[in-house]
PDB file of N, CA and C in Angstrom:
ATOM      1  N   MET A   1      79.151 106.614 101.688  1.00  0.00           N
ATOM      2  CA  MET A   1      78.768 107.897 102.188  1.00  0.00           C
ATOM      3  C   MET A   1      78.906 109.029 101.244  1.00  0.00           C
ATOM      4  N   LYS A   2      78.006 109.829 101.128  1.00  0.00           N
ATOM      5  CA  LYS A   2      78.095 110.952 100.138  1.00  0.00           C
ATOM      6  C   LYS A   2      77.920 112.201 101.097  1.00  0.00           C
ATOM      7  N   ILE A   3      78.865 113.282 100.845  1.00  0.00           N
ATOM      8  CA  ILE A   3      78.591 114.645 101.428  1.00  0.00           C
ATOM      9  C   ILE A   3      78.533 115.577 100.394  1.00  0.00           C
ATOM     10  N   ASP A   4      77.255 116.273 100.462  1.00  0.00           N
ATOM     11  CA  ASP A   4      77.096 117.354  99.483  1.00  0.00           C
ATOM     12  C   ASP A   4      76.966 118.780 100.308  1.00  0.00           C
ATOM     13  N   VAL A   5      78.027 119.431 100.178  1.00  0.00           N
ATOM     14  CA  VAL A   5      78.066 120.804 100.759  1.00  0.00           C
ATOM     15  C   VAL A   5      77.421 121.732  99.807  1.00  0.00           C
ATOM     16  N   ARG A   6      76.399 122.463 100.495  1.00  0.00           N
ATOM     17  CA  ARG A   6      75.636 123.461  99.671  1.00  0.00           C
ATOM     18  C   ARG A   6      76.210 124.778  99.897  1.00  0.00           C
ATOM     19  N   SER A   7      76.701 125.053 101.109  1.00  0.00           N
ATOM     20  CA  SER A   7      77.313 126.489 101.490  1.00  0.00           C
ATOM     21  C   SER A   7      78.332 126.148 102.496  1.00  0.00           C
ATOM     22  N   PRO A   8      78.927 127.205 103.070  1.00  0.00           N
ATOM     23  CA  PRO A   8      79.805 127.104 104.206  1.00  0.00           C
ATOM     24  C   PRO A   8      79.044 126.861 105.387  1.00  0.00           C
ATOM     25  N   GLN A   9      77.734 126.926 105.391  1.00  0.00           N
ATOM     26  CA  GLN A   9      77.039 126.635 106.468  1.00  0.00           C
ATOM     27  C   GLN A   9      75.907 125.603 106.465  1.00  0.00           C
ATOM     28  N   SER A  10      75.909 124.957 105.327  1.00  0.00           N
ATOM     29  CA  SER A  10      74.892 123.856 105.277  1.00  0.00           C
ATOM     30  C   SER A  10      75.424 122.754 104.247  1.00  0.00           C
ATOM     31  N   LEU A  11      74.856 121.535 104.594  1.00  0.00           N
ATOM     32  CA  LEU A  11      75.264 120.368 103.918  1.00  0.00           C
ATOM     33  C   LEU A  11      74.422 119.085 104.016  1.00  0.00           C
ATOM     34  N   TYR A  12      74.418 118.307 103.230  1.00  0.00           N
ATOM     35  CA  TYR A  12      73.607 117.036 103.270  1.00  0.00           C
ATOM     36  C   TYR A  12      74.686 115.870 103.296  1.00  0.00           C
ATOM     37  N   ILE A  13      74.435 114.880 104.295  1.00  0.00           N
ATOM     38  CA  ILE A  13      75.253 113.673 104.344  1.00  0.00           C
ATOM     39  C   ILE A  13      74.348 112.552 104.204  1.00  0.00           C
ATOM     40  N   THR A  14      74.647 111.653 103.252  1.00  0.00           N
ATOM     41  CA  THR A  14      73.783 110.491 102.820  1.00  0.00           C
ATOM     42  C   THR A  14      74.707 109.296 103.207  1.00  0.00           C
ATOM     43  N   ILE A  15      73.950 108.443 104.068  1.00  0.00           N
ATOM     44  CA  ILE A  15      74.550 107.146 104.396  1.00  0.00           C
ATOM     45  C   ILE A  15      73.631 106.038 104.171  1.00  0.00           C
ATOM     46  N   GLY A  16      73.896 105.341 103.325  1.00  0.00           N
ATOM     47  CA  GLY A  16      72.711 104.369 102.868  1.00  0.00           C
ATOM     48  C   GLY A  16      71.503 104.912 102.421  1.00  0.00           C
ATOM     49  N   ASN A  17      70.284 104.606 102.894  1.00  0.00           N
ATOM     50  CA  ASN A  17      69.095 105.343 102.482  1.00  0.00           C
ATOM     51  C   ASN A  17      68.750 106.516 103.377  1.00  0.00           C
ATOM     52  N   LYS A  18      69.678 106.772 104.271  1.00  0.00           N
ATOM     53  CA  LYS A  18      69.281 108.032 105.142  1.00  0.00           C
ATOM     54  C   LYS A  18      70.096 109.132 104.769  1.00  0.00           C
ATOM     55  N   THR A  19      69.453 110.319 104.695  1.00  0.00           N
ATOM     56  CA  THR A  19      70.131 111.592 104.348  1.00  0.00           C
ATOM     57  C   THR A  19      69.753 112.487 105.586  1.00  0.00           C
ATOM     58  N   PHE A  20      70.992 113.074 105.986  1.00  0.00           N
ATOM     59  CA  PHE A  20      70.984 113.995 107.217  1.00  0.00           C
ATOM     60  C   PHE A  20      71.184 115.483 106.523  1.00  0.00           C
ATOM     61  N   TYR A  21      70.397 116.337 106.942  1.00  0.00           N
ATOM     62  CA  TYR A  21      70.518 117.819 106.619  1.00  0.00           C
ATOM     63  C   TYR A  21      70.988 118.574 107.822  1.00  0.00           C
ATOM     64  N   ILE A  22      72.117 119.374 107.736  1.00  0.00           N
ATOM     65  CA  ILE A  22      72.750 120.211 108.589  1.00  0.00           C
ATOM     66  C   ILE A  22      72.868 121.494 108.092  1.00  0.00           C
ATOM     67  N   ASP A  23      72.316 122.535 108.894  1.00  0.00           N
ATOM     68  CA  ASP A  23      72.254 123.860 108.458  1.00  0.00           C
ATOM     69  C   ASP A  23      72.395 124.817 109.636  1.00  0.00           C
ATOM     70  N   ASP A  24      73.445 125.712 109.702  1.00  0.00           N
ATOM     71  CA  ASP A  24      73.628 126.720 110.620  1.00  0.00           C
ATOM     72  C   ASP A  24      73.626 128.197 109.994  1.00  0.00           C
ATOM     73  N   SER A  25      73.015 128.284 108.852  1.00  0.00           N
ATOM     74  CA  SER A  25      73.045 129.459 108.158  1.00  0.00           C
ATOM     75  C   SER A  25      72.260 130.581 108.872  1.00  0.00           C
ATOM     76  N   THR A  26      71.412 130.271 109.554  1.00  0.00           N
ATOM     77  CA  THR A  26      70.544 131.291 110.206  1.00  0.00           C
ATOM     78  C   THR A  26      70.795 131.159 111.850  1.00  0.00           C
ATOM     79  N   ASN A  27      71.998 130.504 112.207  1.00  0.00           N
ATOM     80  CA  ASN A  27      72.418 130.358 113.636  1.00  0.00           C
ATOM     81  C   ASN A  27      71.414 129.647 114.438  1.00  0.00           C
ATOM     82  N   GLU A  28      70.608 128.742 113.804  1.00  0.00           N
ATOM     83  CA  GLU A  28      69.574 128.034 114.536  1.00  0.00           C
ATOM     84  C   GLU A  28      70.062 126.550 114.659  1.00  0.00           C
ATOM     85  N   SER A  29      71.239 126.192 114.096  1.00  0.00           N
ATOM     86  CA  SER A  29      71.754 124.768 114.353  1.00  0.00           C
ATOM     87  C   SER A  29      70.784 123.711 114.075  1.00  0.00           C
ATOM     88  N   ILE A  30      70.229 123.709 112.677  1.00  0.00           N
ATOM     89  CA  ILE A  30      69.212 122.678 112.171  1.00  0.00           C
ATOM     90  C   ILE A  30      69.975 121.566 111.843  1.00  0.00           C
ATOM     91  N   MET A  31      69.439 120.328 112.290  1.00  0.00           N
ATOM     92  CA  MET A  31      69.975 118.967 111.962  1.00  0.00           C
ATOM     93  C   MET A  31      68.590 118.147 111.755  1.00  0.00           C
ATOM     94  N   GLU A  32      68.388 117.594 110.494  1.00  0.00           N
ATOM     95  CA  GLU A  32      67.260 116.927 110.362  1.00  0.00           C
ATOM     96  C   GLU A  32      67.600 115.533 109.515  1.00  0.00           C
ATOM     97  N   LEU A  33      66.741 114.387 109.915  1.00  0.00           N
ATOM     98  CA  LEU A  33      67.013 113.200 109.224  1.00  0.00           C
ATOM     99  C   LEU A  33      65.891 113.194 108.238  1.00  0.00           C
ATOM    100  N   LEU A  34      66.301 112.959 106.923  1.00  0.00           N
ATOM    101  CA  LEU A  34      65.399 112.967 105.845  1.00  0.00           C
ATOM    102  C   LEU A  34      65.344 111.594 105.258  1.00  0.00           C
ATOM    103  N   GLU A  35      64.656 110.714 106.016  1.00  0.00           N
ATOM    104  CA  GLU A  35      64.852 109.188 105.734  1.00  0.00           C
ATOM    105  C   GLU A  35      64.097 108.881 104.224  1.00  0.00           C
ATOM    106  N   ASP A  36      62.977 109.608 103.918  1.00  0.00           N
ATOM    107  CA  ASP A  36      62.246 109.274 102.827  1.00  0.00           C
ATOM    108  C   ASP A  36      62.906 109.861 101.505  1.00  0.00           C
ATOM    109  N   GLU A  37      63.931 110.629 101.668  1.00  0.00           N
ATOM    110  CA  GLU A  37      64.674 111.159 100.484  1.00  0.00           C
ATOM    111  C   GLU A  37      65.967 110.434 100.179  1.00  0.00           C
ATOM    112  N   ARG A  38      65.937 109.859  98.900  1.00  0.00           N
ATOM    113  CA  ARG A  38      67.208 109.057  98.595  1.00  0.00           C
ATOM    114  C   ARG A  38      67.642 109.722  97.255  1.00  0.00           C
ATOM    115  N   TYR A  39      69.025 109.590  97.142  1.00  0.00           N
ATOM    116  CA  TYR A  39      69.717 110.145  96.023  1.00  0.00           C
ATOM    117  C   TYR A  39      70.651 109.209  95.338  1.00  0.00           C
ATOM    118  N   CYS A  40      70.835 109.344  94.014  1.00  0.00           N
ATOM    119  CA  CYS A  40      71.585 108.440  93.157  1.00  0.00           C
ATOM    120  C   CYS A  40      73.081 108.484  93.702  1.00  0.00           C
ATOM    121  N   ASN A  41      73.597 107.426  93.817  1.00  0.00           N
ATOM    122  CA  ASN A  41      75.052 107.221  94.447  1.00  0.00           C
ATOM    123  C   ASN A  41      76.128 107.815  93.465  1.00  0.00           C
ATOM    124  N   ASN A  42      75.658 108.080  92.131  1.00  0.00           N
ATOM    125  CA  ASN A  42      76.603 108.477  91.153  1.00  0.00           C
ATOM    126  C   ASN A  42      76.475 109.914  90.785  1.00  0.00           C
ATOM    127  N   CYS A  43      75.259 110.309  90.512  1.00  0.00           N
ATOM    128  CA  CYS A  43      75.079 111.720  90.012  1.00  0.00           C
ATOM    129  C   CYS A  43      74.371 112.660  91.107  1.00  0.00           C
ATOM    130  N   GLY A  44      73.804 112.097  92.097  1.00  0.00           N
ATOM    131  CA  GLY A  44      73.243 112.737  93.197  1.00  0.00           C
ATOM    132  C   GLY A  44      71.676 113.184  92.952  1.00  0.00           C
ATOM    133  N   SER A  45      71.052 112.819  91.826  1.00  0.00           N
ATOM    134  CA  SER A  45      69.875 113.252  91.562  1.00  0.00           C
ATOM    135  C   SER A  45      68.855 112.451  92.611  1.00  0.00           C
ATOM    136  N   LYS A  46      67.643 113.181  92.809  1.00  0.00           N
ATOM    137  CA  LYS A  46      66.811 112.530  93.721  1.00  0.00           C
ATOM    138  C   LYS A  46      66.005 111.225  93.138  1.00  0.00           C
ATOM    139  N   LEU A  47      66.008 110.287  93.919  1.00  0.00           N
ATOM    140  CA  LEU A  47      65.287 109.126  93.467  1.00  0.00           C
ATOM    141  C   LEU A  47      63.974 109.102  93.860  1.00  0.00           C
ATOM    142  N   GLY A  48      63.156 108.383  93.117  1.00  0.00           N
ATOM    143  CA  GLY A  48      61.627 108.158  93.418  1.00  0.00           C
ATOM    144  C   GLY A  48      60.722 109.232  92.929  1.00  0.00           C
ATOM    145  N   ILE A  49      61.362 110.283  91.943  1.00  0.00           N
ATOM    146  CA  ILE A  49      60.612 111.219  91.444  1.00  0.00           C
ATOM    147  C   ILE A  49      59.889 110.730  90.084  1.00  0.00           C
ATOM    148  N   ASP A  50      58.694 110.958  89.926  1.00  0.00           N
ATOM    149  CA  ASP A  50      57.923 110.658  88.665  1.00  0.00           C
ATOM    150  C   ASP A  50      58.279 111.684  87.688  1.00  0.00           C
ATOM    151  N   CYS A  51      59.065 111.168  86.552  1.00  0.00           N
ATOM    152  CA  CYS A  51      59.506 111.942  85.661  1.00  0.00           C
ATOM    153  C   CYS A  51      58.950 111.656  84.255  1.00  0.00           C
ATOM    154  N   GLY A  52      57.576 111.352  84.337  1.00  0.00           N
ATOM    155  CA  GLY A  52      56.772 111.234  83.256  1.00  0.00           C
ATOM    156  C   GLY A  52      57.150 110.032  82.366  1.00  0.00           C
ATOM    157  N   ASP A  53      57.714 110.319  81.081  1.00  0.00           N
ATOM    158  CA  ASP A  53      58.174 109.332  80.266  1.00  0.00           C
ATOM    159  C   ASP A  53      59.551 108.816  80.478  1.00  0.00           C
ATOM    160  N   ALA A  54      60.269 109.347  81.448  1.00  0.00           N
ATOM    161  CA  ALA A  54      61.656 108.831  81.762  1.00  0.00           C
ATOM    162  C   ALA A  54      61.564 107.540  82.231  1.00  0.00           C
ATOM    163  N   GLU A  55      62.704 106.801  82.211  1.00  0.00           N
ATOM    164  CA  GLU A  55      62.945 105.659  82.852  1.00  0.00           C
ATOM    165  C   GLU A  55      62.689 105.637  84.395  1.00  0.00           C
ATOM    166  N   PRO A  56      62.133 104.561  84.947  1.00  0.00           N
ATOM    167  CA  PRO A  56      61.980 104.499  86.384  1.00  0.00           C
ATOM    168  C   PRO A  56      63.493 104.373  87.087  1.00  0.00           C
ATOM    169  N   ASP A  57      63.619 104.563  88.229  1.00  0.00           N
ATOM    170  CA  ASP A  57      64.813 104.347  89.011  1.00  0.00           C
ATOM    171  C   ASP A  57      65.448 102.993  88.665  1.00  0.00           C
ATOM    172  N   TYR A  58      66.783 102.874  88.359  1.00  0.00           N
ATOM    173  CA  TYR A  58      67.391 101.487  88.106  1.00  0.00           C
ATOM    174  C   TYR A  58      67.215 100.626  89.430  1.00  0.00           C
ATOM    175  N   ASN A  59      67.678 101.091  90.596  1.00  0.00           N
ATOM    176  CA  ASN A  59      67.371 100.323  91.886  1.00  0.00           C
ATOM    177  C   ASN A  59      67.382 101.435  92.910  1.00  0.00           C
ATOM    178  N   GLU A  60      67.609 100.822  94.116  1.00  0.00           N
ATOM    179  CA  GLU A  60      67.560 101.665  95.383  1.00  0.00           C
ATOM    180  C   GLU A  60      68.704 102.538  95.600  1.00  0.00           C
ATOM    181  N   GLU A  61      69.713 102.483  94.670  1.00  0.00           N
ATOM    182  CA  GLU A  61      70.942 103.251  94.745  1.00  0.00           C
ATOM    183  C   GLU A  61      71.255 104.041  93.560  1.00  0.00           C
ATOM    184  N   PHE A  62      70.734 103.792  92.458  1.00  0.00           N
ATOM    185  CA  PHE A  62      71.057 104.414  91.188  1.00  0.00           C
ATOM    186  C   PHE A  62      69.842 104.844  90.548  1.00  0.00           C
ATOM    187  N   CYS A  63      70.070 106.048  89.799  1.00  0.00           N
ATOM    188  CA  CYS A  63      68.678 106.580  88.961  1.00  0.00           C
ATOM    189  C   CYS A  63      68.629 105.824  87.622  1.00  0.00           C
ATOM    190  N   SER A  64      69.717 105.302  87.108  1.00  0.00           N
ATOM    191  CA  SER A  64      69.716 104.844  85.766  1.00  0.00           C
ATOM    192  C   SER A  64      70.759 103.767  85.682  1.00  0.00           C
ATOM    193  N   LYS A  65      70.529 103.013  84.596  1.00  0.00           N
ATOM    194  CA  LYS A  65      71.547 101.853  84.237  1.00  0.00           C
ATOM    195  C   LYS A  65      72.958 102.586  83.942  1.00  0.00           C
ATOM    196  N   GLY A  66      72.849 103.740  83.345  1.00  0.00           N
ATOM    197  CA  GLY A  66      74.121 104.440  82.909  1.00  0.00           C
ATOM    198  C   GLY A  66      74.842 104.999  84.202  1.00  0.00           C
ATOM    199  N   CYS A  67      74.121 105.345  85.259  1.00  0.00           N
ATOM    200  CA  CYS A  67      74.895 105.731  86.446  1.00  0.00           C
ATOM    201  C   CYS A  67      75.461 104.648  87.126  1.00  0.00           C
ATOM    202  N   TYR A  68      74.645 103.358  87.062  1.00  0.00           N
ATOM    203  CA  TYR A  68      75.232 102.234  87.784  1.00  0.00           C
ATOM    204  C   TYR A  68      76.490 101.808  87.174  1.00  0.00           C
ATOM    205  N   LYS A  69      76.389 101.782  85.672  1.00  0.00           N
ATOM    206  CA  LYS A  69      77.723 101.305  84.945  1.00  0.00           C
ATOM    207  C   LYS A  69      78.723 102.286  85.174  1.00  0.00           C
ATOM    208  N   GLU A  70      78.467 103.562  85.180  1.00  0.00           N
ATOM    209  CA  GLU A  70      79.653 104.560  85.331  1.00  0.00           C
ATOM    210  C   GLU A  70      80.332 104.318  86.766  1.00  0.00           C
ATOM    211  N   THR A  71      79.540 104.175  87.888  1.00  0.00           N
ATOM    212  CA  THR A  71      80.011 103.746  89.054  1.00  0.00           C
ATOM    213  C   THR A  71      80.909 102.472  89.156  1.00  0.00           C
ATOM    214  N   LYS A  72      80.306 101.442  88.529  1.00  0.00           N
ATOM    215  CA  LYS A  72      80.931 100.156  88.372  1.00  0.00           C
ATOM    216  C   LYS A  72      82.360 100.325  87.718  1.00  0.00           C
ATOM    217  N   ASN A  73      82.365 101.065  86.593  1.00  0.00           N
ATOM    218  CA  ASN A  73      83.585 101.288  85.830  1.00  0.00           C
ATOM    219  C   ASN A  73      84.628 102.063  86.625  1.00  0.00           C
ATOM    220  N   LYS A  74      84.193 103.034  87.444  1.00  0.00           N
ATOM    221  CA  LYS A  74      85.090 103.831  88.249  1.00  0.00           C
ATOM    222  C   LYS A  74      85.650 103.033  89.326  1.00  0.00           C
ATOM    223  N   ASN A  75      84.970 102.046  89.915  1.00  0.00           N
ATOM    224  CA  ASN A  75      85.376 101.138  90.915  1.00  0.00           C
ATOM    225  C   ASN A  75      86.317 100.082  90.416  1.00  0.00           C
ATOM    226  N   ASN A  76      86.086  99.604  89.172  1.00  0.00           N
ATOM    227  CA  ASN A  76      87.115  98.679  88.492  1.00  0.00           C
ATOM    228  C   ASN A  76      88.282  99.285  87.995  1.00  0.00           C
ATOM    229  N   ALA A  77      88.336 100.699  87.781  1.00  0.00           N
ATOM    230  CA  ALA A  77      89.652 101.315  87.297  1.00  0.00           C
ATOM    231  C   ALA A  77      90.799 101.293  88.253  1.00  0.00           C
TER     232      ALA A  77
END
């Protein structure tokens, strides 16, 4: 699970492939499920974006082999 706090009134919570957006900055109590948006489990960059000549996503969870290795190293430390 990843929690990305953007402000005291808004945040993103990612669990697996699902991202939830919660925002009360305008007192509207917005809560949305953003199923199509996935983010790298290491750096948080959005997955599935066409970056021209950049490498494609490493897999469903990581944007690059470097992010995968970095997370693996953190977990083994």
